[in-house]
Protein backbone atom coordinates (compact mmCIF):
# COMPACT_ATOMS: atom_id res chain seq x y z
CA MET A 1 -14.67 4.21 -0.16
CA ARG A 2 -11.83 1.82 0.52
CA ILE A 3 -8.77 2.45 2.66
CA PHE A 4 -5.75 0.42 1.56
CA TYR A 5 -2.60 0.06 3.63
CA VAL A 6 0.41 -1.05 1.59
CA PHE A 7 3.35 -2.73 3.34
CA ASN A 8 6.76 -3.52 1.87
CA ILE A 9 7.24 -7.15 2.96
CA LYS A 10 10.79 -8.45 3.33
CA LYS A 11 11.81 -10.72 0.46
CA GLU A 12 12.54 -13.76 2.66
CA VAL A 13 9.22 -13.36 4.52
CA TYR A 14 7.38 -12.99 1.21
CA GLU A 15 8.90 -16.25 -0.06
CA ILE A 16 7.63 -18.07 3.04
CA TYR A 17 4.10 -16.62 3.03
CA LYS A 18 3.42 -15.95 -0.67
CA ASP A 19 0.90 -18.81 -0.78
CA THR A 20 -0.67 -17.97 2.60
CA PRO A 21 -1.00 -14.17 2.76
CA SER A 22 -3.64 -14.53 5.49
CA VAL A 23 -0.85 -15.08 8.04
CA LEU A 24 0.80 -11.78 7.10
CA TYR A 25 -2.57 -10.05 7.04
CA ASN A 26 -3.21 -11.23 10.61
CA PHE A 27 0.20 -9.88 11.72
CA MET A 28 -0.58 -6.50 10.18
CA LYS A 29 -4.11 -6.49 11.56
CA TYR A 30 -2.72 -7.13 15.04
CA ILE A 31 -0.35 -4.17 14.65
CA TYR A 32 -3.13 -1.99 13.22
CA LYS A 33 -5.40 -2.71 16.19
CA ALA A 34 -2.65 -2.63 18.83
CA ASN A 35 -3.13 -0.27 21.73
CA LYS A 36 -0.40 1.58 23.62
CA ASP A 37 0.31 -1.45 25.84
CA ASN A 38 1.02 -3.71 22.86
CA LEU A 39 2.72 -1.14 20.64
CA ASP A 40 6.28 -2.26 21.43
CA TYR A 41 5.45 -5.86 20.59
CA GLY A 42 3.69 -4.73 17.40
CA ASN A 43 6.77 -2.73 16.43
CA ILE A 44 8.98 -5.79 16.90
CA ILE A 45 6.68 -7.89 14.70
CA PHE A 46 6.58 -5.17 12.04
CA ASN A 47 10.39 -4.88 11.89
CA GLN A 48 10.71 -8.65 11.45
CA VAL A 49 8.13 -8.80 8.65
CA ALA A 50 8.38 -5.53 6.70
CA ASP A 51 10.94 -3.07 5.37
CA LYS A 52 10.51 0.67 5.19
CA PHE A 53 9.80 2.45 1.93
CA ASN A 54 12.23 4.88 0.38
CA LYS A 55 9.72 7.69 0.80
CA LYS A 56 11.60 10.38 -1.13
CA LYS A 57 12.35 8.14 -4.12
CA LEU A 58 8.83 6.75 -4.39
CA ASP A 59 7.32 10.21 -3.95
CA LEU A 60 9.52 11.55 -6.75
CA ASP A 61 8.87 8.53 -9.03
CA ILE A 62 5.11 8.98 -8.73
CA PHE A 63 5.35 12.70 -9.33
CA ILE A 64 7.58 12.26 -12.40
CA LYS A 65 5.35 9.57 -13.87
CA LEU A 66 2.06 11.42 -13.35
CA HIS A 67 2.83 15.16 -13.12
CA ASN A 68 1.88 15.93 -16.72
CA LYS A 69 -1.40 13.99 -16.57
CA MET A 70 -4.54 16.04 -16.25
CA ARG A 71 -6.05 13.57 -13.77
CA TYR A 72 -3.18 13.96 -11.26
CA THR A 73 -2.40 16.59 -8.63
CA LYS A 74 -0.07 16.73 -5.67
CA ARG A 75 -0.73 18.76 -2.55
CA LYS A 76 1.93 18.66 0.14
CA GLU A 77 2.13 14.98 1.14
CA GLU A 78 -0.89 13.82 -0.88
CA HIS A 79 -0.90 12.37 -4.37
CA ILE A 80 -4.36 12.64 -5.89
CA ILE A 81 -5.86 10.92 -8.92
CA ASN A 82 -9.19 12.27 -10.09
CA ASN A 83 -9.89 10.34 -13.27
CA LEU A 84 -13.35 11.21 -14.58
CA TYR A 85 -13.15 8.70 -17.42
CA LYS A 86 -12.59 5.74 -15.10
CA ASP A 87 -14.64 7.27 -12.28
CA GLU A 88 -11.66 6.99 -9.92
CA ILE A 89 -10.80 9.25 -7.03
CA SER A 90 -7.73 8.08 -5.08
CA ILE A 91 -5.64 9.88 -2.50
CA MET A 92 -2.29 8.42 -1.49
CA LYS A 93 -0.02 9.33 1.42
CA ILE A 94 3.44 7.81 1.61
CA LYS A 95 4.81 7.18 5.08
CA ASN A 96 8.19 5.62 5.88
CA SER A 97 6.67 2.35 7.11
CA TYR A 98 3.55 2.07 4.97
CA ILE A 99 1.41 3.74 2.33
CA VAL A 100 -2.24 4.71 2.80
CA ILE A 101 -4.55 4.96 -0.19
CA ASN A 102 -8.15 6.12 0.03
CA SER A 103 -10.00 5.15 -3.12
CA ASN A 104 -13.48 4.69 -4.47
CA LYS A 105 -12.22 1.75 -6.57
CA ASN A 106 -11.00 -1.76 -5.77
CA TYR A 107 -7.94 -1.13 -7.92
CA THR A 108 -6.12 2.18 -8.22
CA GLU A 109 -3.50 3.34 -10.70
CA PHE A 110 -1.13 3.87 -7.78
CA PHE A 111 -0.81 0.08 -7.41
CA ASN A 112 0.91 -0.11 -10.82
CA ILE A 113 3.56 2.42 -9.84
CA ILE A 114 4.19 0.94 -6.40
CA SER A 115 4.57 -2.59 -7.79
CA LYS A 116 7.22 -1.42 -10.28
CA ASN A 117 9.35 -0.08 -7.42
CA TYR A 118 8.59 -2.70 -4.76
CA ASN A 119 7.93 -6.31 -5.71
CA GLU A 120 6.69 -7.82 -2.46
CA CYS A 121 3.94 -5.48 -1.27
CA LEU A 122 1.01 -6.64 0.80
CA VAL A 123 -2.14 -4.55 0.47
CA CYS A 124 -4.59 -4.66 3.38
CA ASP A 125 -8.06 -3.20 3.70
CA PHE A 126 -8.75 -3.77 7.39
CA ILE A 127 -12.30 -2.42 7.27
CA ASN A 128 -13.40 -4.84 4.53
CA GLN A 129 -11.04 -7.60 5.73
CA ASP A 130 -9.46 -7.83 2.29
CA TYR A 131 -5.79 -8.42 1.46
CA PHE A 132 -3.60 -9.35 -1.50
CA PHE A 133 -0.07 -9.11 -2.83
CA LEU A 134 0.43 -6.58 -5.61
CA THR A 135 2.26 -9.26 -7.61
CA ASN A 136 -0.90 -11.41 -7.64
CA ILE A 137 -3.20 -8.84 -9.21
CA LYS A 138 -4.71 -9.78 -12.54
CA ILE A 139 -7.02 -7.25 -14.13
CA LEU A 140 -9.68 -8.63 -16.45
CA VAL A 141 -10.96 -6.15 -18.97
């Protein structure tokens, strides 16, 4: 099971770090691991690097796009994909500052929808120390 955190990186910051996403990953990892003493500093770094998501719009866009699909359900704040054909189970929660996706796959259908609404998203899996920009994903079939 993978836990992805998706951050909406500011356009000007993305342009600077698009070839070196490890720097942004380290910023986000610092914020992720920050304790109460460092939380104010982490908040300052976050506000300089990332923008907030339009939670209501993205929530509605995902629901409209997937609501008539048999593999999709929505319960309160959770969007759930249970695709038996692709053996995918993904649960997404949209927060104002970030998105959390729990998935049994390395790539989830939610990434497609997010990338259509937000171009400069950094995806971090802090447990597996993995990170990438959604714009850089190439799926080989």
